[in-house]
């Protein structure tokens, strides 16, 4: 009976060891199988990447085909700008006319120029102070927007004229505007 018990114990222990070894082998096989490349999934990923690259190529070709028209539009825009030789008087006259039409009084106007690199343009920064009604300031800004000359209003600051010697309901507005002249 003692020998029979030792044999059973060794048989059970051998069986448990074989089961654990089989479990480890199946786990390793399962892990290896799960990490193996899936040809169907790889094909889907490669197909999607190919389609994205084709779409990028088509967009690039479309952009390349439009470049001459864009360049022509840019050249026409540059030709529409005031030449630097007569631009200052033209801009001053136009701003004065827009201000007068809006019912504003232009107190001061300073123009400062800066060259634009790689283009034959001069950027002109205009700082002007106008006084008038709020609706006049709105009409002035609307006139700038509708002008044939390109004006970019970069900022403005306003304050009321009620405590000073001006009529009531007046505002003093400092405008920061920029425009461009062609230099060639």
C-alpha atoms as a PDB file:
ATOM      1  CA  UNK A   1       0.000   0.000   0.000  1.00  0.00           C
ATOM      2  CA  UNK A   2       2.907   2.379   0.693  1.00  0.00           C
ATOM      3  CA  UNK A   3       4.295   1.686  -2.700  1.00  0.00           C
ATOM      4  CA  UNK A   4       0.928   2.152  -4.382  1.00  0.00           C
ATOM      5  CA  UNK A   5       0.541   5.594  -2.695  1.00  0.00           C
ATOM      6  CA  UNK A   6       4.002   6.728  -3.891  1.00  0.00           C
ATOM      7  CA  UNK A   7       3.171   5.633  -7.419  1.00  0.00           C
ATOM      8  CA  UNK A   8      -0.151   7.520  -7.407  1.00  0.00           C
ATOM      9  CA  UNK A   9       1.483  10.606  -5.994  1.00  0.00           C
ATOM     10  CA  UNK A  10       4.205  10.576  -8.664  1.00  0.00           C
ATOM     11  CA  UNK A  11       1.632   9.932 -11.378  1.00  0.00           C
ATOM     12  CA  UNK A  12      -0.518  12.874 -10.221  1.00  0.00           C
ATOM     13  CA  UNK A  13       2.551  15.108  -9.943  1.00  0.00           C
ATOM     14  CA  UNK A  14       3.701  14.041 -13.428  1.00  0.00           C
ATOM     15  CA  UNK A  15       0.192  14.726 -14.794  1.00  0.00           C
ATOM     16  CA  UNK A  16       0.087  18.205 -13.236  1.00  0.00           C
ATOM     17  CA  UNK A  17       3.549  19.006 -14.625  1.00  0.00           C
ATOM     18  CA  UNK A  18       2.463  17.809 -18.093  1.00  0.00           C
ATOM     19  CA  UNK A  19      -0.709  19.961 -17.885  1.00  0.00           C
ATOM     20  CA  UNK A  20       1.291  23.056 -16.841  1.00  0.00           C
ATOM     21  CA  UNK A  21       3.816  22.429 -19.632  1.00  0.00           C
ATOM     22  CA  UNK A  22       0.972  22.020 -22.137  1.00  0.00           C
ATOM     23  CA  UNK A  23      -0.615  25.272 -20.853  1.00  0.00           C
ATOM     24  CA  UNK A  24       2.668  27.154 -21.264  1.00  0.00           C
ATOM     25  CA  UNK A  25       3.157  25.728 -24.756  1.00  0.00           C
ATOM     26  CA  UNK A  26      -0.413  26.671 -25.797  1.00  0.00           C
ATOM     27  CA  UNK A  27      -0.004  30.175 -24.341  1.00  0.00           C
ATOM     28  CA  UNK A  28       3.243  30.670 -26.273  1.00  0.00           C
ATOM     29  CA  UNK A  29       1.613  29.391 -29.467  1.00  0.00           C
ATOM     30  CA  UNK A  30      -1.443  31.616 -28.945  1.00  0.00           C
ATOM     31  CA  UNK A  31       0.721  34.670 -28.290  1.00  0.00           C
ATOM     32  CA  UNK A  32       2.869  33.958 -31.342  1.00  0.00           C
ATOM     33  CA  UNK A  33      -0.233  33.437 -33.481  1.00  0.00           C
ATOM     34  CA  UNK A  34      -1.842  36.674 -32.236  1.00  0.00           C
ATOM     35  CA  UNK A  35       1.277  38.720 -32.973  1.00  0.00           C
ATOM     36  CA  UNK A  36       1.783  37.184 -36.407  1.00  0.00           C
ATOM     37  CA  UNK A  37       0.885  39.535 -39.262  1.00  0.00           C
ATOM     38  CA  UNK A  38      -2.633  39.191 -40.526  1.00  0.00           C
ATOM     39  CA  UNK A  39      -2.410  39.327 -44.327  1.00  0.00           C
ATOM     40  CA  UNK A  40      -5.992  40.552 -44.714  1.00  0.00           C
ATOM     41  CA  UNK A  41      -5.489  43.395 -42.220  1.00  0.00           C
ATOM     42  CA  UNK A  42      -2.136  44.308 -43.778  1.00  0.00           C
ATOM     43  CA  UNK A  43      -3.771  44.441 -47.200  1.00  0.00           C
ATOM     44  CA  UNK A  44      -6.490  46.787 -45.912  1.00  0.00           C
ATOM     45  CA  UNK A  45      -3.911  49.117 -44.326  1.00  0.00           C
ATOM     46  CA  UNK A  46      -1.765  49.168 -47.450  1.00  0.00           C
ATOM     47  CA  UNK A  47      -4.811  49.805 -49.662  1.00  0.00           C
ATOM     48  CA  UNK A  48      -5.906  52.735 -47.467  1.00  0.00           C
ATOM     49  CA  UNK A  49      -2.383  54.214 -47.529  1.00  0.00           C
ATOM     50  CA  UNK A  50      -2.227  53.840 -51.309  1.00  0.00           C
ATOM     51  CA  UNK A  51      -5.578  55.623 -51.685  1.00  0.00           C
ATOM     52  CA  UNK A  52      -4.432  58.454 -49.408  1.00  0.00           C
ATOM     53  CA  UNK A  53      -1.232  58.863 -51.413  1.00  0.00           C
ATOM     54  CA  UNK A  54      -3.188  58.920 -54.680  1.00  0.00           C
ATOM     55  CA  UNK A  55      -5.487  61.598 -53.278  1.00  0.00           C
ATOM     56  CA  UNK A  56      -2.438  63.661 -52.207  1.00  0.00           C
ATOM     57  CA  UNK A  57      -0.943  63.334 -55.682  1.00  0.00           C
ATOM     58  CA  UNK A  58      -4.212  64.442 -57.318  1.00  0.00           C
ATOM     59  CA  UNK A  59      -4.419  67.485 -55.003  1.00  0.00           C
ATOM     60  CA  UNK A  60      -0.813  68.395 -55.781  1.00  0.00           C
ATOM     61  CA  UNK A  61      -1.441  68.082 -59.532  1.00  0.00           C
ATOM     62  CA  UNK A  62      -4.578  70.224 -59.198  1.00  0.00           C
ATOM     63  CA  UNK A  63      -2.628  72.896 -57.313  1.00  0.00           C
ATOM     64  CA  UNK A  64       0.183  72.789 -59.874  1.00  0.00           C
ATOM     65  CA  UNK A  65      -2.322  73.275 -62.714  1.00  0.00           C
ATOM     66  CA  UNK A  66      -3.796  76.358 -60.978  1.00  0.00           C
ATOM     67  CA  UNK A  67      -0.466  78.077 -60.284  1.00  0.00           C
ATOM     68  CA  UNK A  68      -0.310  80.028 -63.597  1.00  0.00           C
ATOM     69  CA  UNK A  69      -3.804  81.460 -63.046  1.00  0.00           C
ATOM     70  CA  UNK A  70      -2.959  82.370 -59.456  1.00  0.00           C
ATOM     71  CA  UNK A  71       0.277  84.023 -60.573  1.00  0.00           C
ATOM     72  CA  UNK A  72      -1.642  85.985 -63.211  1.00  0.00           C
ATOM     73  CA  UNK A  73      -4.175  87.134 -60.591  1.00  0.00           C
ATOM     74  CA  UNK A  74      -1.347  88.198 -58.270  1.00  0.00           C
ATOM     75  CA  UNK A  75       0.314  90.159 -61.068  1.00  0.00           C
ATOM     76  CA  UNK A  76      -2.983  91.897 -61.901  1.00  0.00           C
ATOM     77  CA  UNK A  77      -3.484  92.716 -58.236  1.00  0.00           C
ATOM     78  CA  UNK A  78      -0.007  94.224 -58.007  1.00  0.00           C
ATOM     79  CA  UNK A  79      -0.673  96.282 -61.144  1.00  0.00           C
ATOM     80  CA  UNK A  80      -3.862  97.649 -59.541  1.00  0.00           C
ATOM     81  CA  UNK A  81      -1.893  99.141 -56.640  1.00  0.00           C
ATOM     82  CA  UNK A  82      -0.765 102.746 -56.622  1.00  0.00           C
ATOM     83  CA  UNK A  83       2.814 103.253 -57.788  1.00  0.00           C
ATOM     84  CA  UNK A  84       5.084 104.396 -54.965  1.00  0.00           C
ATOM     85  CA  UNK A  85       5.811 107.677 -56.765  1.00  0.00           C
ATOM     86  CA  UNK A  86       2.189 108.889 -56.677  1.00  0.00           C
ATOM     87  CA  UNK A  87       0.728 106.591 -54.027  1.00  0.00           C
ATOM     88  CA  UNK A  88       1.048 108.892 -51.051  1.00  0.00           C
ATOM     89  CA  UNK A  89      -0.937 111.712 -52.605  1.00  0.00           C
ATOM     90  CA  UNK A  90      -3.510 109.260 -53.994  1.00  0.00           C
ATOM     91  CA  UNK A  91      -4.035 107.552 -50.626  1.00  0.00           C
ATOM     92  CA  UNK A  92      -4.163 110.861 -48.747  1.00  0.00           C
ATOM     93  CA  UNK A  93      -6.733 112.257 -51.178  1.00  0.00           C
ATOM     94  CA  UNK A  94      -8.852 109.117 -51.053  1.00  0.00           C
ATOM     95  CA  UNK A  95      -8.797 108.881 -47.251  1.00  0.00           C
ATOM     96  CA  UNK A  96      -9.737 112.568 -47.066  1.00  0.00           C
ATOM     97  CA  UNK A  97     -12.641 112.052 -49.472  1.00  0.00           C
ATOM     98  CA  UNK A  98     -13.901 108.979 -47.590  1.00  0.00           C
ATOM     99  CA  UNK A  99     -13.624 110.871 -44.284  1.00  0.00           C
ATOM    100  CA  UNK A 100     -15.451 113.908 -45.648  1.00  0.00           C
ATOM    101  CA  UNK A 101     -18.218 111.753 -47.121  1.00  0.00           C
ATOM    102  CA  UNK A 102     -18.588 109.998 -43.745  1.00  0.00           C
ATOM    103  CA  UNK A 103     -18.793 113.347 -41.948  1.00  0.00           C
ATOM    104  CA  UNK A 104     -15.527 112.930 -40.036  1.00  0.00           C
ATOM    105  CA  UNK A 105     -12.801 115.438 -39.320  1.00  0.00           C
ATOM    106  CA  UNK A 106      -9.302 114.007 -39.886  1.00  0.00           C
ATOM    107  CA  UNK A 107      -7.067 115.495 -37.205  1.00  0.00           C
ATOM    108  CA  UNK A 108      -3.810 113.776 -38.094  1.00  0.00           C
ATOM    109  CA  UNK A 109      -2.418 111.266 -40.535  1.00  0.00           C
ATOM    110  CA  UNK A 110       1.023 109.643 -40.414  1.00  0.00           C
ATOM    111  CA  UNK A 111       2.319 107.361 -43.154  1.00  0.00           C
ATOM    112  CA  UNK A 112       5.306 105.078 -42.691  1.00  0.00           C
ATOM    113  CA  UNK A 113       6.673 102.712 -45.313  1.00  0.00           C
ATOM    114  CA  UNK A 114       8.441  99.375 -45.138  1.00  0.00           C
ATOM    115  CA  UNK A 115       9.686  97.246 -48.029  1.00  0.00           C
ATOM    116  CA  UNK A 116       8.232  93.789 -48.609  1.00  0.00           C
ATOM    117  CA  UNK A 117      10.953  91.182 -49.080  1.00  0.00           C
ATOM    118  CA  UNK A 118      10.967  89.136 -52.299  1.00  0.00           C
ATOM    119  CA  UNK A 119       8.289  91.338 -53.888  1.00  0.00           C
ATOM    120  CA  UNK A 120       8.440  94.703 -55.544  1.00  0.00           C
ATOM    121  CA  UNK A 121       5.997  96.164 -53.046  1.00  0.00           C
ATOM    122  CA  UNK A 122       6.099  98.711 -50.292  1.00  0.00           C
ATOM    123  CA  UNK A 123       3.874  98.265 -47.256  1.00  0.00           C
ATOM    124  CA  UNK A 124       2.556 101.609 -46.031  1.00  0.00           C
ATOM    125  CA  UNK A 125       1.339 101.797 -42.442  1.00  0.00           C
ATOM    126  CA  UNK A 126      -1.087 104.616 -41.824  1.00  0.00           C
ATOM    127  CA  UNK A 127      -1.988 105.927 -38.416  1.00  0.00           C
ATOM    128  CA  UNK A 128      -4.750 108.476 -38.438  1.00  0.00           C
ATOM    129  CA  UNK A 129      -6.938 110.166 -35.882  1.00  0.00           C
ATOM    130  CA  UNK A 130     -10.496 111.095 -36.804  1.00  0.00           C
ATOM    131  CA  UNK A 131     -13.236 112.825 -34.852  1.00  0.00           C
ATOM    132  CA  UNK A 132     -16.947 112.497 -35.521  1.00  0.00           C
ATOM    133  CA  UNK A 133     -20.056 110.550 -34.696  1.00  0.00           C
ATOM    134  CA  UNK A 134     -20.084 106.813 -34.168  1.00  0.00           C
ATOM    135  CA  UNK A 135     -22.163 106.328 -37.325  1.00  0.00           C
ATOM    136  CA  UNK A 136     -19.634 108.443 -39.237  1.00  0.00           C
ATOM    137  CA  UNK A 137     -16.832 106.154 -38.106  1.00  0.00           C
ATOM    138  CA  UNK A 138     -18.843 103.150 -39.269  1.00  0.00           C
ATOM    139  CA  UNK A 139     -19.445 104.846 -42.653  1.00  0.00           C
ATOM    140  CA  UNK A 140     -15.709 105.603 -42.896  1.00  0.00           C
ATOM    141  CA  UNK A 141     -14.797 101.954 -42.248  1.00  0.00           C
ATOM    142  CA  UNK A 142     -17.422 100.875 -44.778  1.00  0.00           C
ATOM    143  CA  UNK A 143     -15.901 103.303 -47.304  1.00  0.00           C
ATOM    144  CA  UNK A 144     -12.462 101.783 -46.734  1.00  0.00           C
ATOM    145  CA  UNK A 145     -13.886  98.331 -47.304  1.00  0.00           C
ATOM    146  CA  UNK A 146     -15.588  99.332 -50.546  1.00  0.00           C
ATOM    147  CA  UNK A 147     -12.610 101.226 -51.927  1.00  0.00           C
ATOM    148  CA  UNK A 148     -10.788  99.960 -55.015  1.00  0.00           C
ATOM    149  CA  UNK A 149      -7.534 100.381 -53.083  1.00  0.00           C
ATOM    150  CA  UNK A 150      -6.709  97.621 -50.632  1.00  0.00           C
ATOM    151  CA  UNK A 151      -6.837  98.866 -47.044  1.00  0.00           C
ATOM    152  CA  UNK A 152      -6.387  96.552 -44.098  1.00  0.00           C
ATOM    153  CA  UNK A 153      -7.588  97.978 -40.792  1.00  0.00           C
ATOM    154  CA  UNK A 154      -5.245  96.439 -38.246  1.00  0.00           C
ATOM    155  CA  UNK A 155      -6.786  98.071 -35.211  1.00  0.00           C
ATOM    156  CA  UNK A 156      -8.576 101.050 -33.828  1.00  0.00           C
ATOM    157  CA  UNK A 157      -9.098 102.661 -30.468  1.00  0.00           C
ATOM    158  CA  UNK A 158     -11.890 105.037 -29.608  1.00  0.00           C
ATOM    159  CA  UNK A 159     -12.705 107.387 -26.778  1.00  0.00           C
ATOM    160  CA  UNK A 160     -15.562 109.704 -26.100  1.00  0.00           C
ATOM    161  CA  UNK A 161     -15.303 113.458 -26.561  1.00  0.00           C
ATOM    162  CA  UNK A 162     -17.963 114.318 -23.952  1.00  0.00           C
ATOM    163  CA  UNK A 163     -15.660 115.798 -21.300  1.00  0.00           C
ATOM    164  CA  UNK A 164     -13.712 117.946 -23.711  1.00  0.00           C
ATOM    165  CA  UNK A 165     -14.481 120.993 -25.789  1.00  0.00           C
ATOM    166  CA  UNK A 166     -16.052 119.063 -28.699  1.00  0.00           C
ATOM    167  CA  UNK A 167     -19.782 118.597 -29.262  1.00  0.00           C
ATOM    168  CA  UNK A 168     -21.522 115.833 -27.344  1.00  0.00           C
ATOM    169  CA  UNK A 169     -21.864 112.441 -28.999  1.00  0.00           C
ATOM    170  CA  UNK A 170     -18.513 112.739 -30.745  1.00  0.00           C
ATOM    171  CA  UNK A 171     -15.818 110.061 -30.635  1.00  0.00           C
ATOM    172  CA  UNK A 172     -12.098 110.338 -31.269  1.00  0.00           C
ATOM    173  CA  UNK A 173     -10.822 107.252 -33.104  1.00  0.00           C
ATOM    174  CA  UNK A 174      -7.223 106.307 -33.785  1.00  0.00           C
ATOM    175  CA  UNK A 175      -7.005 103.965 -36.788  1.00  0.00           C
ATOM    176  CA  UNK A 176      -4.101 101.713 -37.742  1.00  0.00           C
ATOM    177  CA  UNK A 177      -4.394 100.912 -41.443  1.00  0.00           C
ATOM    178  CA  UNK A 178      -2.026  99.419 -43.959  1.00  0.00           C
ATOM    179  CA  UNK A 179      -1.966  99.426 -47.732  1.00  0.00           C
ATOM    180  CA  UNK A 180       0.578  98.598 -50.420  1.00  0.00           C
ATOM    181  CA  UNK A 181       2.327 100.424 -53.261  1.00  0.00           C
ATOM    182  CA  UNK A 182       4.160  98.856 -56.155  1.00  0.00           C
ATOM    183  CA  UNK A 183       7.753  99.987 -56.430  1.00  0.00           C
ATOM    184  CA  UNK A 184       8.500  98.977 -60.010  1.00  0.00           C
END
